[in-house]
Amino acid sequence: MARTNPFVFLQQVRTEVSKVTWPSRKETVITTIMVLIMSVAAALFFLGVDWVLSTAVQLILGMGR
């Protein structure tokens, strides 16, 4: 692999970064809120599954009352 001059490399990086479409503030806020909502939903789902499975195991093993 050929070595690139650091100055040329930085020019190439700057050119590539200028092609990036950056999200707006509104898009970033909406995406962040959606991630938080989905994280809470996943946490509640796994809490419920864990509770059901632990209850089932306790009943099967005779430790439940």
PDB file of N, CA and C in Angstrom:
ATOM      1  N   MET A   1       0.849  -1.174   0.000  1.00  0.00           N
ATOM      2  CA  MET A   1       0.000   0.000   0.000  1.00  0.00           C
ATOM      3  C   MET A   1       0.896   1.239   0.000  1.00  0.00           C
ATOM      4  N   ALA A   2       0.616   2.147  -0.900  1.00  0.00           N
ATOM      5  CA  ALA A   2       1.442   3.348  -1.034  1.00  0.00           C
ATOM      6  C   ALA A   2       1.202   4.297   0.130  1.00  0.00           C
ATOM      7  N   ARG A   3       2.257   4.920   0.558  1.00  0.00           N
ATOM      8  CA  ARG A   3       2.144   5.895   1.642  1.00  0.00           C
ATOM      9  C   ARG A   3       1.675   7.225   1.069  1.00  0.00           C
ATOM     10  N   THR A   4       0.780   7.870   1.793  1.00  0.00           N
ATOM     11  CA  THR A   4       0.226   9.145   1.347  1.00  0.00           C
ATOM     12  C   THR A   4       0.818  10.266   2.184  1.00  0.00           C
ATOM     13  N   ASN A   5       1.104  11.341   1.522  1.00  0.00           N
ATOM     14  CA  ASN A   5       1.595  12.539   2.194  1.00  0.00           C
ATOM     15  C   ASN A   5       0.524  12.995   3.194  1.00  0.00           C
ATOM     16  N   PRO A   6       0.903  13.317   4.441  1.00  0.00           N
ATOM     17  CA  PRO A   6      -0.104  13.741   5.432  1.00  0.00           C
ATOM     18  C   PRO A   6      -0.951  14.930   4.966  1.00  0.00           C
ATOM     19  N   PHE A   7      -0.352  15.860   4.247  1.00  0.00           N
ATOM     20  CA  PHE A   7      -1.103  17.016   3.763  1.00  0.00           C
ATOM     21  C   PHE A   7      -2.173  16.575   2.759  1.00  0.00           C
ATOM     22  N   VAL A   8      -1.811  15.670   1.864  1.00  0.00           N
ATOM     23  CA  VAL A   8      -2.761  15.144   0.878  1.00  0.00           C
ATOM     24  C   VAL A   8      -3.856  14.362   1.591  1.00  0.00           C
ATOM     25  N   PHE A   9      -3.464  13.580   2.581  1.00  0.00           N
ATOM     26  CA  PHE A   9      -4.447  12.805   3.345  1.00  0.00           C
ATOM     27  C   PHE A   9      -5.472  13.727   4.003  1.00  0.00           C
ATOM     28  N   LEU A  10      -5.015  14.794   4.635  1.00  0.00           N
ATOM     29  CA  LEU A  10      -5.941  15.733   5.283  1.00  0.00           C
ATOM     30  C   LEU A  10      -6.855  16.408   4.266  1.00  0.00           C
ATOM     31  N   GLN A  11      -6.345  16.684   3.079  1.00  0.00           N
ATOM     32  CA  GLN A  11      -7.200  17.253   2.032  1.00  0.00           C
ATOM     33  C   GLN A  11      -8.283  16.256   1.629  1.00  0.00           C
ATOM     34  N   GLN A  12      -7.901  14.985   1.517  1.00  0.00           N
ATOM     35  CA  GLN A  12      -8.868  13.956   1.159  1.00  0.00           C
ATOM     36  C   GLN A  12      -9.927  13.788   2.246  1.00  0.00           C
ATOM     37  N   VAL A  13      -9.498  13.822   3.487  1.00  0.00           N
ATOM     38  CA  VAL A  13     -10.442  13.716   4.602  1.00  0.00           C
ATOM     39  C   VAL A  13     -11.415  14.883   4.573  1.00  0.00           C
ATOM     40  N   ARG A  14     -10.903  16.080   4.370  1.00  0.00           N
ATOM     41  CA  ARG A  14     -11.769  17.267   4.334  1.00  0.00           C
ATOM     42  C   ARG A  14     -12.790  17.155   3.188  1.00  0.00           C
ATOM     43  N   THR A  15     -12.349  16.655   2.041  1.00  0.00           N
ATOM     44  CA  THR A  15     -13.248  16.476   0.906  1.00  0.00           C
ATOM     45  C   THR A  15     -14.348  15.472   1.240  1.00  0.00           C
ATOM     46  N   GLU A  16     -13.981  14.355   1.864  1.00  0.00           N
ATOM     47  CA  GLU A  16     -14.965  13.330   2.216  1.00  0.00           C
ATOM     48  C   GLU A  16     -15.944  13.830   3.281  1.00  0.00           C
ATOM     49  N   VAL A  17     -15.448  14.556   4.266  1.00  0.00           N
ATOM     50  CA  VAL A  17     -16.313  15.079   5.327  1.00  0.00           C
ATOM     51  C   VAL A  17     -17.305  16.090   4.753  1.00  0.00           C
ATOM     52  N   SER A  18     -16.899  16.829   3.743  1.00  0.00           N
ATOM     53  CA  SER A  18     -17.820  17.805   3.146  1.00  0.00           C
ATOM     54  C   SER A  18     -18.975  17.114   2.424  1.00  0.00           C
ATOM     55  N   LYS A  19     -18.815  15.826   2.071  1.00  0.00           N
ATOM     56  CA  LYS A  19     -19.876  15.069   1.397  1.00  0.00           C
ATOM     57  C   LYS A  19     -20.912  14.510   2.371  1.00  0.00           C
ATOM     58  N   VAL A  20     -20.590  14.520   3.655  1.00  0.00           N
ATOM     59  CA  VAL A  20     -21.475  13.939   4.657  1.00  0.00           C
ATOM     60  C   VAL A  20     -22.709  14.810   4.830  1.00  0.00           C
ATOM     61  N   THR A  21     -23.875  14.165   4.921  1.00  0.00           N
ATOM     62  CA  THR A  21     -25.111  14.877   5.203  1.00  0.00           C
ATOM     63  C   THR A  21     -25.354  14.790   6.707  1.00  0.00           C
ATOM     64  N   TRP A  22     -25.161  15.875   7.408  1.00  0.00           N
ATOM     65  CA  TRP A  22     -25.296  15.884   8.853  1.00  0.00           C
ATOM     66  C   TRP A  22     -26.764  16.089   9.225  1.00  0.00           C
ATOM     67  N   PRO A  23     -27.234  15.393  10.271  1.00  0.00           N
ATOM     68  CA  PRO A  23     -28.645  15.564  10.670  1.00  0.00           C
ATOM     69  C   PRO A  23     -28.879  16.940  11.296  1.00  0.00           C
ATOM     70  N   SER A  24     -30.112  17.410  11.159  1.00  0.00           N
ATOM     71  CA  SER A  24     -30.458  18.689  11.770  1.00  0.00           C
ATOM     72  C   SER A  24     -30.635  18.491  13.276  1.00  0.00           C
ATOM     73  N   ARG A  25     -30.734  19.591  13.988  1.00  0.00           N
ATOM     74  CA  ARG A  25     -30.946  19.508  15.434  1.00  0.00           C
ATOM     75  C   ARG A  25     -32.254  18.788  15.748  1.00  0.00           C
ATOM     76  N   LYS A  26     -33.298  19.092  14.969  1.00  0.00           N
ATOM     77  CA  LYS A  26     -34.612  18.469  15.185  1.00  0.00           C
ATOM     78  C   LYS A  26     -34.523  16.955  14.976  1.00  0.00           C
ATOM     79  N   GLU A  27     -33.842  16.524  13.918  1.00  0.00           N
ATOM     80  CA  GLU A  27     -33.687  15.093  13.657  1.00  0.00           C
ATOM     81  C   GLU A  27     -32.912  14.411  14.783  1.00  0.00           C
ATOM     82  N   THR A  28     -31.899  15.070  15.278  1.00  0.00           N
ATOM     83  CA  THR A  28     -31.094  14.502  16.362  1.00  0.00           C
ATOM     84  C   THR A  28     -31.917  14.353  17.631  1.00  0.00           C
ATOM     85  N   VAL A  29     -32.718  15.352  17.965  1.00  0.00           N
ATOM     86  CA  VAL A  29     -33.556  15.301  19.164  1.00  0.00           C
ATOM     87  C   VAL A  29     -34.604  14.193  19.030  1.00  0.00           C
ATOM     88  N   ILE A  30     -35.254  14.112  17.885  1.00  0.00           N
ATOM     89  CA  ILE A  30     -36.281  13.086  17.680  1.00  0.00           C
ATOM     90  C   ILE A  30     -35.668  11.690  17.759  1.00  0.00           C
ATOM     91  N   THR A  31     -34.524  11.507  17.132  1.00  0.00           N
ATOM     92  CA  THR A  31     -33.858  10.203  17.165  1.00  0.00           C
ATOM     93  C   THR A  31     -33.451   9.828  18.585  1.00  0.00           C
ATOM     94  N   THR A  32     -32.943  10.790  19.344  1.00  0.00           N
ATOM     95  CA  THR A  32     -32.547  10.537  20.733  1.00  0.00           C
ATOM     96  C   THR A  32     -33.745  10.120  21.570  1.00  0.00           C
ATOM     97  N   ILE A  33     -34.861  10.823  21.408  1.00  0.00           N
ATOM     98  CA  ILE A  33     -36.078  10.490  22.159  1.00  0.00           C
ATOM     99  C   ILE A  33     -36.558   9.086  21.789  1.00  0.00           C
ATOM    100  N   MET A  34     -36.523   8.749  20.497  1.00  0.00           N
ATOM    101  CA  MET A  34     -36.955   7.415  20.065  1.00  0.00           C
ATOM    102  C   MET A  34     -36.053   6.327  20.649  1.00  0.00           C
ATOM    103  N   VAL A  35     -34.764   6.576  20.713  1.00  0.00           N
ATOM    104  CA  VAL A  35     -33.838   5.598  21.298  1.00  0.00           C
ATOM    105  C   VAL A  35     -34.158   5.403  22.777  1.00  0.00           C
ATOM    106  N   LEU A  36     -34.420   6.492  23.494  1.00  0.00           N
ATOM    107  CA  LEU A  36     -34.752   6.382  24.915  1.00  0.00           C
ATOM    108  C   LEU A  36     -36.064   5.607  25.113  1.00  0.00           C
ATOM    109  N   ILE A  37     -37.067   5.906  24.292  1.00  0.00           N
ATOM    110  CA  ILE A  37     -38.351   5.203  24.399  1.00  0.00           C
ATOM    111  C   ILE A  37     -38.171   3.715  24.125  1.00  0.00           C
ATOM    112  N   MET A  38     -37.435   3.372  23.082  1.00  0.00           N
ATOM    113  CA  MET A  38     -37.223   1.964  22.745  1.00  0.00           C
ATOM    114  C   MET A  38     -36.399   1.255  23.815  1.00  0.00           C
ATOM    115  N   SER A  39     -35.464   1.959  24.439  1.00  0.00           N
ATOM    116  CA  SER A  39     -34.666   1.364  25.523  1.00  0.00           C
ATOM    117  C   SER A  39     -35.556   1.037  26.722  1.00  0.00           C
ATOM    118  N   VAL A  40     -36.452   1.955  27.070  1.00  0.00           N
ATOM    119  CA  VAL A  40     -37.375   1.715  28.182  1.00  0.00           C
ATOM    120  C   VAL A  40     -38.318   0.565  27.837  1.00  0.00           C
ATOM    121  N   ALA A  41     -38.818   0.535  26.599  1.00  0.00           N
ATOM    122  CA  ALA A  41     -39.715  -0.545  26.183  1.00  0.00           C
ATOM    123  C   ALA A  41     -39.007  -1.900  26.250  1.00  0.00           C
ATOM    124  N   ALA A  42     -37.767  -1.955  25.794  1.00  0.00           N
ATOM    125  CA  ALA A  42     -37.000  -3.209  25.845  1.00  0.00           C
ATOM    126  C   ALA A  42     -36.744  -3.623  27.288  1.00  0.00           C
ATOM    127  N   ALA A  43     -36.420  -2.659  28.142  1.00  0.00           N
ATOM    128  CA  ALA A  43     -36.174  -2.960  29.554  1.00  0.00           C
ATOM    129  C   ALA A  43     -37.436  -3.523  30.212  1.00  0.00           C
ATOM    130  N   LEU A  44     -38.589  -2.926  29.937  1.00  0.00           N
ATOM    131  CA  LEU A  44     -39.844  -3.420  30.506  1.00  0.00           C
ATOM    132  C   LEU A  44     -40.189  -4.807  29.974  1.00  0.00           C
ATOM    133  N   PHE A  45     -39.943  -5.031  28.676  1.00  0.00           N
ATOM    134  CA  PHE A  45     -40.196  -6.338  28.093  1.00  0.00           C
ATOM    135  C   PHE A  45     -39.346  -7.411  28.782  1.00  0.00           C
ATOM    136  N   PHE A  46     -38.053  -7.157  28.918  1.00  0.00           N
ATOM    137  CA  PHE A  46     -37.175  -8.148  29.532  1.00  0.00           C
ATOM    138  C   PHE A  46     -37.445  -8.303  31.024  1.00  0.00           C
ATOM    139  N   LEU A  47     -37.909  -7.249  31.684  1.00  0.00           N
ATOM    140  CA  LEU A  47     -38.310  -7.360  33.074  1.00  0.00           C
ATOM    141  C   LEU A  47     -39.495  -8.321  33.189  1.00  0.00           C
ATOM    142  N   GLY A  48     -40.466  -8.176  32.299  1.00  0.00           N
ATOM    143  CA  GLY A  48     -41.628  -9.064  32.304  1.00  0.00           C
ATOM    144  C   GLY A  48     -41.257 -10.504  31.988  1.00  0.00           C
ATOM    145  N   VAL A  49     -40.427 -10.711  30.980  1.00  0.00           N
ATOM    146  CA  VAL A  49     -40.003 -12.064  30.622  1.00  0.00           C
ATOM    147  C   VAL A  49     -39.223 -12.692  31.770  1.00  0.00           C
ATOM    148  N   ASP A  50     -38.351 -11.937  32.395  1.00  0.00           N
ATOM    149  CA  ASP A  50     -37.575 -12.446  33.520  1.00  0.00           C
ATOM    150  C   ASP A  50     -38.486 -12.841  34.676  1.00  0.00           C
ATOM    151  N   TRP A  51     -39.490 -12.005  34.951  1.00  0.00           N
ATOM    152  CA  TRP A  51     -40.422 -12.310  36.047  1.00  0.00           C
ATOM    153  C   TRP A  51     -41.205 -13.593  35.750  1.00  0.00           C
ATOM    154  N   VAL A  52     -41.694 -13.724  34.513  1.00  0.00           N
ATOM    155  CA  VAL A  52     -42.461 -14.920  34.143  1.00  0.00           C
ATOM    156  C   VAL A  52     -41.581 -16.166  34.242  1.00  0.00           C
ATOM    157  N   LEU A  53     -40.380 -16.106  33.709  1.00  0.00           N
ATOM    158  CA  LEU A  53     -39.499 -17.274  33.749  1.00  0.00           C
ATOM    159  C   LEU A  53     -39.075 -17.624  35.169  1.00  0.00           C
ATOM    160  N   SER A  54     -38.774 -16.629  35.985  1.00  0.00           N
ATOM    161  CA  SER A  54     -38.365 -16.929  37.362  1.00  0.00           C
ATOM    162  C   SER A  54     -39.532 -17.521  38.156  1.00  0.00           C
ATOM    163  N   THR A  55     -40.745 -17.032  37.922  1.00  0.00           N
ATOM    164  CA  THR A  55     -41.920 -17.593  38.588  1.00  0.00           C
ATOM    165  C   THR A  55     -42.143 -19.038  38.144  1.00  0.00           C
ATOM    166  N   ALA A  56     -42.003 -19.292  36.855  1.00  0.00           N
ATOM    167  CA  ALA A  56     -42.180 -20.653  36.340  1.00  0.00           C
ATOM    168  C   ALA A  56     -41.143 -21.608  36.921  1.00  0.00           C
ATOM    169  N   VAL A  57     -39.902 -21.177  36.998  1.00  0.00           N
ATOM    170  CA  VAL A  57     -38.845 -22.034  37.550  1.00  0.00           C
ATOM    171  C   VAL A  57     -39.096 -22.301  39.022  1.00  0.00           C
ATOM    172  N   GLN A  58     -39.517 -21.283  39.761  1.00  0.00           N
ATOM    173  CA  GLN A  58     -39.805 -21.489  41.191  1.00  0.00           C
ATOM    174  C   GLN A  58     -40.961 -22.464  41.385  1.00  0.00           C
ATOM    175  N   LEU A  59     -41.988 -22.375  40.562  1.00  0.00           N
ATOM    176  CA  LEU A  59     -43.111 -23.305  40.651  1.00  0.00           C
ATOM    177  C   LEU A  59     -42.694 -24.726  40.296  1.00  0.00           C
ATOM    178  N   ILE A  60     -41.890 -24.861  39.263  1.00  0.00           N
ATOM    179  CA  ILE A  60     -41.422 -26.188  38.833  1.00  0.00           C
ATOM    180  C   ILE A  60     -40.567 -26.834  39.910  1.00  0.00           C
ATOM    181  N   LEU A  61     -39.705 -26.049  40.526  1.00  0.00           N
ATOM    182  CA  LEU A  61     -38.807 -26.581  41.561  1.00  0.00           C
ATOM    183  C   LEU A  61     -39.461 -26.679  42.931  1.00  0.00           C
ATOM    184  N   GLY A  62     -40.698 -26.249  43.042  1.00  0.00           N
ATOM    185  CA  GLY A  62     -41.420 -26.356  44.297  1.00  0.00           C
ATOM    186  C   GLY A  62     -41.045 -25.316  45.337  1.00  0.00           C
ATOM    187  N   MET A  63     -40.426 -24.235  44.921  1.00  0.00           N
ATOM    188  CA  MET A  63     -40.028 -23.201  45.866  1.00  0.00           C
ATOM    189  C   MET A  63     -41.065 -22.088  45.950  1.00  0.00           C
ATOM    190  N   GLY A  64     -42.010 -22.091  45.040  1.00  0.00           N
ATOM    191  CA  GLY A  64     -43.034 -21.051  45.050  1.00  0.00           C
ATOM    192  C   GLY A  64     -44.102 -21.334  46.080  1.00  0.00           C
ATOM    193  N   ARG A  65     -44.732 -20.329  46.593  1.00  0.00           N
ATOM    194  CA  ARG A  65     -45.795 -20.513  47.590  1.00  0.00           C
ATOM    195  C   ARG A  65     -47.085 -20.006  47.060  1.00  0.00           C
TER     196      ARG A  65
END
